[in-house]
């Protein structure tokens, strides 16, 4: 995670193919919502968070596999 906050939505499922720029999840921090996007074309390998969960900076949220 780029910053501490709360997961608002998870937009992908395990096994889903994503393209670079596709939305993965959104975070709320300091009353601002931030969308995290895929940095490359890949498959979602694992999701380690769910909506409503509080996270810390540097937490592993989603694993992508080429």
PDB file of N, CA and C in Angstrom:
ATOM      1  N   UNK A   1       0.846  -1.189   0.000  1.00  0.00           N
ATOM      2  CA  UNK A   1       0.000   0.000   0.000  1.00  0.00           C
ATOM      3  C   UNK A   1       0.885   1.244   0.000  1.00  0.00           C
ATOM      4  N   UNK A   2       0.499   2.246  -0.752  1.00  0.00           N
ATOM      5  CA  UNK A   2       1.307   3.460  -0.799  1.00  0.00           C
ATOM      6  C   UNK A   2       1.159   4.321   0.454  1.00  0.00           C
ATOM      7  N   UNK A   3       0.067   4.119   1.212  1.00  0.00           N
ATOM      8  CA  UNK A   3      -0.201   4.934   2.404  1.00  0.00           C
ATOM      9  C   UNK A   3      -1.158   4.173   3.312  1.00  0.00           C
ATOM     10  N   UNK A   4      -1.198   4.505   4.602  1.00  0.00           N
ATOM     11  CA  UNK A   4      -2.182   3.865   5.467  1.00  0.00           C
ATOM     12  C   UNK A   4      -3.578   4.380   5.130  1.00  0.00           C
ATOM     13  N   UNK A   5      -4.584   3.563   5.372  1.00  0.00           N
ATOM     14  CA  UNK A   5      -5.956   3.974   5.093  1.00  0.00           C
ATOM     15  C   UNK A   5      -6.901   2.807   5.217  1.00  0.00           C
ATOM     16  N   UNK A   6      -8.052   2.920   4.540  1.00  0.00           N
ATOM     17  CA  UNK A   6      -9.057   1.871   4.571  1.00  0.00           C
ATOM     18  C   UNK A   6      -9.397   1.469   3.143  1.00  0.00           C
ATOM     19  N   UNK A   7      -9.523   0.161   2.913  1.00  0.00           N
ATOM     20  CA  UNK A   7      -9.917  -0.345   1.605  1.00  0.00           C
ATOM     21  C   UNK A   7     -11.409  -0.053   1.418  1.00  0.00           C
ATOM     22  N   UNK A   8     -11.752   0.647   0.339  1.00  0.00           N
ATOM     23  CA  UNK A   8     -13.153   0.972   0.057  1.00  0.00           C
ATOM     24  C   UNK A   8     -13.767  -0.094  -0.844  1.00  0.00           C
ATOM     25  N   UNK A   9     -13.102  -0.405  -1.952  1.00  0.00           N
ATOM     26  CA  UNK A   9     -13.603  -1.429  -2.871  1.00  0.00           C
ATOM     27  C   UNK A   9     -12.445  -2.271  -3.383  1.00  0.00           C
ATOM     28  N   UNK A  10     -12.738  -3.529  -3.691  1.00  0.00           N
ATOM     29  CA  UNK A  10     -11.804  -4.410  -4.387  1.00  0.00           C
ATOM     30  C   UNK A  10     -12.468  -4.711  -5.725  1.00  0.00           C
ATOM     31  N   UNK A  11     -11.821  -4.325  -6.818  1.00  0.00           N
ATOM     32  CA  UNK A  11     -12.444  -4.383  -8.138  1.00  0.00           C
ATOM     33  C   UNK A  11     -12.083  -5.628  -8.941  1.00  0.00           C
ATOM     34  N   UNK A  12     -11.298  -6.543  -8.364  1.00  0.00           N
ATOM     35  CA  UNK A  12     -10.852  -7.731  -9.099  1.00  0.00           C
ATOM     36  C   UNK A  12     -11.105  -8.992  -8.279  1.00  0.00           C
ATOM     37  N   UNK A  13     -10.981 -10.142  -8.964  1.00  0.00           N
ATOM     38  CA  UNK A  13     -11.109 -11.451  -8.315  1.00  0.00           C
ATOM     39  C   UNK A  13      -9.862 -12.274  -8.637  1.00  0.00           C
ATOM     40  N   UNK A  14      -9.547 -13.244  -7.795  1.00  0.00           N
ATOM     41  CA  UNK A  14      -8.415 -14.132  -8.048  1.00  0.00           C
ATOM     42  C   UNK A  14      -8.642 -14.842  -9.385  1.00  0.00           C
ATOM     43  N   UNK A  15      -7.601 -14.900 -10.198  1.00  0.00           N
ATOM     44  CA  UNK A  15      -7.677 -15.542 -11.502  1.00  0.00           C
ATOM     45  C   UNK A  15      -8.045 -14.595 -12.635  1.00  0.00           C
ATOM     46  N   UNK A  16      -8.454 -13.386 -12.302  1.00  0.00           N
ATOM     47  CA  UNK A  16      -8.860 -12.408 -13.314  1.00  0.00           C
ATOM     48  C   UNK A  16      -7.649 -11.870 -14.060  1.00  0.00           C
ATOM     49  N   UNK A  17      -7.777 -11.729 -15.377  1.00  0.00           N
ATOM     50  CA  UNK A  17      -6.732 -11.106 -16.188  1.00  0.00           C
ATOM     51  C   UNK A  17      -6.925  -9.599 -16.129  1.00  0.00           C
ATOM     52  N   UNK A  18      -5.849  -8.868 -15.871  1.00  0.00           N
ATOM     53  CA  UNK A  18      -5.905  -7.406 -15.850  1.00  0.00           C
ATOM     54  C   UNK A  18      -4.881  -6.850 -16.827  1.00  0.00           C
ATOM     55  N   UNK A  19      -5.200  -5.705 -17.380  1.00  0.00           N
ATOM     56  CA  UNK A  19      -4.286  -4.996 -18.280  1.00  0.00           C
ATOM     57  C   UNK A  19      -3.688  -3.818 -17.529  1.00  0.00           C
ATOM     58  N   UNK A  20      -2.537  -3.360 -17.972  1.00  0.00           N
ATOM     59  CA  UNK A  20      -1.900  -2.192 -17.360  1.00  0.00           C
ATOM     60  C   UNK A  20      -2.906  -1.046 -17.308  1.00  0.00           C
ATOM     61  N   UNK A  21      -3.062  -0.450 -16.118  1.00  0.00           N
ATOM     62  CA  UNK A  21      -3.984   0.666 -15.942  1.00  0.00           C
ATOM     63  C   UNK A  21      -5.360   0.272 -15.440  1.00  0.00           C
ATOM     64  N   UNK A  22      -5.697  -1.035 -15.469  1.00  0.00           N
ATOM     65  CA  UNK A  22      -7.000  -1.473 -14.948  1.00  0.00           C
ATOM     66  C   UNK A  22      -7.078  -1.213 -13.446  1.00  0.00           C
ATOM     67  N   UNK A  23      -8.242  -0.793 -12.935  1.00  0.00           N
ATOM     68  CA  UNK A  23      -8.387  -0.564 -11.491  1.00  0.00           C
ATOM     69  C   UNK A  23      -8.349  -1.879 -10.716  1.00  0.00           C
ATOM     70  N   UNK A  24      -7.603  -1.892  -9.598  1.00  0.00           N
ATOM     71  CA  UNK A  24      -7.525  -3.072  -8.734  1.00  0.00           C
ATOM     72  C   UNK A  24      -8.350  -2.876  -7.471  1.00  0.00           C
ATOM     73  N   UNK A  25      -8.129  -1.742  -6.797  1.00  0.00           N
ATOM     74  CA  UNK A  25      -8.890  -1.436  -5.582  1.00  0.00           C
ATOM     75  C   UNK A  25      -8.810   0.044  -5.291  1.00  0.00           C
ATOM     76  N   UNK A  26      -9.692   0.503  -4.409  1.00  0.00           N
ATOM     77  CA  UNK A  26      -9.644   1.907  -3.999  1.00  0.00           C
ATOM     78  C   UNK A  26      -9.426   1.991  -2.499  1.00  0.00           C
ATOM     79  N   UNK A  27      -8.660   3.007  -2.108  1.00  0.00           N
ATOM     80  CA  UNK A  27      -8.325   3.265  -0.705  1.00  0.00           C
ATOM     81  C   UNK A  27      -8.850   4.628  -0.306  1.00  0.00           C
ATOM     82  N   UNK A  28      -9.241   4.758   0.955  1.00  0.00           N
ATOM     83  CA  UNK A  28      -9.597   6.067   1.494  1.00  0.00           C
ATOM     84  C   UNK A  28      -8.578   6.413   2.566  1.00  0.00           C
ATOM     85  N   UNK A  29      -7.978   7.589   2.421  1.00  0.00           N
ATOM     86  CA  UNK A  29      -7.006   8.077   3.398  1.00  0.00           C
ATOM     87  C   UNK A  29      -7.149   9.588   3.478  1.00  0.00           C
ATOM     88  N   UNK A  30      -7.211  10.109   4.666  1.00  0.00           N
ATOM     89  CA  UNK A  30      -7.353  11.552   4.880  1.00  0.00           C
ATOM     90  C   UNK A  30      -8.540  12.118   4.090  1.00  0.00           C
ATOM     91  N   UNK A  31      -9.650  11.387   4.079  1.00  0.00           N
ATOM     92  CA  UNK A  31     -10.907  11.782   3.420  1.00  0.00           C
ATOM     93  C   UNK A  31     -10.796  11.898   1.903  1.00  0.00           C
ATOM     94  N   UNK A  32      -9.743  11.305   1.328  1.00  0.00           N
ATOM     95  CA  UNK A  32      -9.590  11.277  -0.126  1.00  0.00           C
ATOM     96  C   UNK A  32      -9.585   9.827  -0.571  1.00  0.00           C
ATOM     97  N   UNK A  33     -10.257   9.541  -1.685  1.00  0.00           N
ATOM     98  CA  UNK A  33     -10.276   8.186  -2.218  1.00  0.00           C
ATOM     99  C   UNK A  33      -9.264   8.080  -3.354  1.00  0.00           C
ATOM    100  N   UNK A  34      -8.447   7.036  -3.322  1.00  0.00           N
ATOM    101  CA  UNK A  34      -7.398   6.825  -4.316  1.00  0.00           C
ATOM    102  C   UNK A  34      -7.586   5.460  -4.956  1.00  0.00           C
ATOM    103  N   UNK A  35      -7.573   5.408  -6.291  1.00  0.00           N
ATOM    104  CA  UNK A  35      -7.690   4.145  -7.012  1.00  0.00           C
ATOM    105  C   UNK A  35      -6.285   3.620  -7.300  1.00  0.00           C
ATOM    106  N   UNK A  36      -6.041   2.356  -6.966  1.00  0.00           N
ATOM    107  CA  UNK A  36      -4.773   1.708  -7.313  1.00  0.00           C
ATOM    108  C   UNK A  36      -5.006   0.882  -8.570  1.00  0.00           C
ATOM    109  N   UNK A  37      -4.106   1.014  -9.539  1.00  0.00           N
ATOM    110  CA  UNK A  37      -4.256   0.357 -10.832  1.00  0.00           C
ATOM    111  C   UNK A  37      -3.125  -0.631 -11.076  1.00  0.00           C
ATOM    112  N   UNK A  38      -3.370  -1.568 -11.985  1.00  0.00           N
ATOM    113  CA  UNK A  38      -2.356  -2.552 -12.361  1.00  0.00           C
ATOM    114  C   UNK A  38      -1.182  -1.846 -13.029  1.00  0.00           C
ATOM    115  N   UNK A  39       0.032  -2.234 -12.661  1.00  0.00           N
ATOM    116  CA  UNK A  39       1.225  -1.622 -13.256  1.00  0.00           C
ATOM    117  C   UNK A  39       1.697  -2.364 -14.501  1.00  0.00           C
ATOM    118  N   UNK A  40       1.019  -3.497 -14.813  1.00  0.00           N
ATOM    119  CA  UNK A  40       1.390  -4.292 -15.986  1.00  0.00           C
ATOM    120  C   UNK A  40       0.243  -5.243 -16.330  1.00  0.00           C
ATOM    121  N   UNK A  41       0.305  -5.852 -17.499  1.00  0.00           N
ATOM    122  CA  UNK A  41      -0.647  -6.903 -17.847  1.00  0.00           C
ATOM    123  C   UNK A  41      -0.287  -8.134 -17.023  1.00  0.00           C
ATOM    124  N   UNK A  42      -1.272  -8.729 -16.346  1.00  0.00           N
ATOM    125  CA  UNK A  42      -0.988  -9.869 -15.472  1.00  0.00           C
ATOM    126  C   UNK A  42      -2.291 -10.567 -15.082  1.00  0.00           C
ATOM    127  N   UNK A  43      -2.147 -11.609 -14.256  1.00  0.00           N
ATOM    128  CA  UNK A  43      -3.281 -12.320 -13.669  1.00  0.00           C
ATOM    129  C   UNK A  43      -3.261 -12.068 -12.173  1.00  0.00           C
ATOM    130  N   UNK A  44      -4.432 -11.837 -11.586  1.00  0.00           N
ATOM    131  CA  UNK A  44      -4.526 -11.647 -10.136  1.00  0.00           C
ATOM    132  C   UNK A  44      -4.270 -13.006  -9.484  1.00  0.00           C
ATOM    133  N   UNK A  45      -3.181 -13.104  -8.728  1.00  0.00           N
ATOM    134  CA  UNK A  45      -2.774 -14.359  -8.091  1.00  0.00           C
ATOM    135  C   UNK A  45      -3.381 -14.504  -6.693  1.00  0.00           C
ATOM    136  N   UNK A  46      -3.434 -13.412  -5.924  1.00  0.00           N
ATOM    137  CA  UNK A  46      -3.972 -13.459  -4.556  1.00  0.00           C
ATOM    138  C   UNK A  46      -4.435 -12.069  -4.149  1.00  0.00           C
ATOM    139  N   UNK A  47      -5.475 -12.034  -3.313  1.00  0.00           N
ATOM    140  CA  UNK A  47      -5.983 -10.782  -2.742  1.00  0.00           C
ATOM    141  C   UNK A  47      -5.894 -10.919  -1.230  1.00  0.00           C
ATOM    142  N   UNK A  48      -5.175 -10.008  -0.580  1.00  0.00           N
ATOM    143  CA  UNK A  48      -4.906 -10.111   0.859  1.00  0.00           C
ATOM    144  C   UNK A  48      -5.751  -9.171   1.709  1.00  0.00           C
ATOM    145  N   UNK A  49      -6.674  -8.434   1.091  1.00  0.00           N
ATOM    146  CA  UNK A  49      -7.512  -7.478   1.830  1.00  0.00           C
ATOM    147  C   UNK A  49      -8.954  -7.584   1.353  1.00  0.00           C
ATOM    148  N   UNK A  50      -9.862  -6.991   2.125  1.00  0.00           N
ATOM    149  CA  UNK A  50     -11.262  -6.908   1.707  1.00  0.00           C
ATOM    150  C   UNK A  50     -11.788  -5.512   2.031  1.00  0.00           C
ATOM    151  N   UNK A  51     -12.899  -5.153   1.419  1.00  0.00           N
ATOM    152  CA  UNK A  51     -13.498  -3.834   1.633  1.00  0.00           C
ATOM    153  C   UNK A  51     -13.774  -3.628   3.118  1.00  0.00           C
ATOM    154  N   UNK A  52     -13.456  -2.435   3.606  1.00  0.00           N
ATOM    155  CA  UNK A  52     -13.677  -2.092   5.005  1.00  0.00           C
ATOM    156  C   UNK A  52     -12.481  -2.344   5.901  1.00  0.00           C
ATOM    157  N   UNK A  53     -11.471  -3.018   5.382  1.00  0.00           N
ATOM    158  CA  UNK A  53     -10.285  -3.356   6.174  1.00  0.00           C
ATOM    159  C   UNK A  53      -9.326  -2.166   6.252  1.00  0.00           C
ATOM    160  N   UNK A  54      -8.768  -1.931   7.438  1.00  0.00           N
ATOM    161  CA  UNK A  54      -7.760  -0.885   7.625  1.00  0.00           C
ATOM    162  C   UNK A  54      -6.392  -1.467   7.292  1.00  0.00           C
ATOM    163  N   UNK A  55      -5.604  -0.703   6.541  1.00  0.00           N
ATOM    164  CA  UNK A  55      -4.278  -1.168   6.126  1.00  0.00           C
ATOM    165  C   UNK A  55      -3.218  -0.149   6.519  1.00  0.00           C
ATOM    166  N   UNK A  56      -1.975  -0.613   6.536  1.00  0.00           N
ATOM    167  CA  UNK A  56      -0.820   0.243   6.814  1.00  0.00           C
ATOM    168  C   UNK A  56      -0.020   0.438   5.535  1.00  0.00           C
ATOM    169  N   UNK A  57       0.799   1.485   5.510  1.00  0.00           N
ATOM    170  CA  UNK A  57       1.703   1.696   4.378  1.00  0.00           C
ATOM    171  C   UNK A  57       2.609   0.476   4.259  1.00  0.00           C
ATOM    172  N   UNK A  58       2.889   0.074   3.048  1.00  0.00           N
ATOM    173  CA  UNK A  58       3.770  -1.057   2.724  1.00  0.00           C
ATOM    174  C   UNK A  58       3.114  -2.424   2.903  1.00  0.00           C
ATOM    175  N   UNK A  59       1.830  -2.490   3.320  1.00  0.00           N
ATOM    176  CA  UNK A  59       1.128  -3.777   3.390  1.00  0.00           C
ATOM    177  C   UNK A  59       0.971  -4.342   1.978  1.00  0.00           C
ATOM    178  N   UNK A  60       1.050  -5.673   1.855  1.00  0.00           N
ATOM    179  CA  UNK A  60       0.808  -6.339   0.579  1.00  0.00           C
ATOM    180  C   UNK A  60      -0.702  -6.480   0.411  1.00  0.00           C
ATOM    181  N   UNK A  61      -1.244  -5.925  -0.659  1.00  0.00           N
ATOM    182  CA  UNK A  61      -2.692  -5.907  -0.868  1.00  0.00           C
ATOM    183  C   UNK A  61      -3.129  -6.953  -1.887  1.00  0.00           C
ATOM    184  N   UNK A  62      -2.501  -6.933  -3.053  1.00  0.00           N
ATOM    185  CA  UNK A  62      -2.855  -7.837  -4.149  1.00  0.00           C
ATOM    186  C   UNK A  62      -1.566  -8.332  -4.789  1.00  0.00           C
ATOM    187  N   UNK A  63      -1.535  -9.630  -5.117  1.00  0.00           N
ATOM    188  CA  UNK A  63      -0.387 -10.194  -5.833  1.00  0.00           C
ATOM    189  C   UNK A  63      -0.782 -10.435  -7.280  1.00  0.00           C
ATOM    190  N   UNK A  64       0.068  -9.985  -8.195  1.00  0.00           N
ATOM    191  CA  UNK A  64      -0.123 -10.219  -9.622  1.00  0.00           C
ATOM    192  C   UNK A  64       0.937 -11.196 -10.106  1.00  0.00           C
ATOM    193  N   UNK A  65       0.567 -12.024 -11.087  1.00  0.00           N
ATOM    194  CA  UNK A  65       1.501 -12.987 -11.661  1.00  0.00           C
ATOM    195  C   UNK A  65       1.484 -12.811 -13.176  1.00  0.00           C
ATOM    196  N   UNK A  66       2.664 -12.796 -13.783  1.00  0.00           N
ATOM    197  CA  UNK A  66       2.744 -12.628 -15.243  1.00  0.00           C
ATOM    198  C   UNK A  66       2.318 -13.885 -15.964  1.00  0.00           C
TER     199      UNK A  66
END
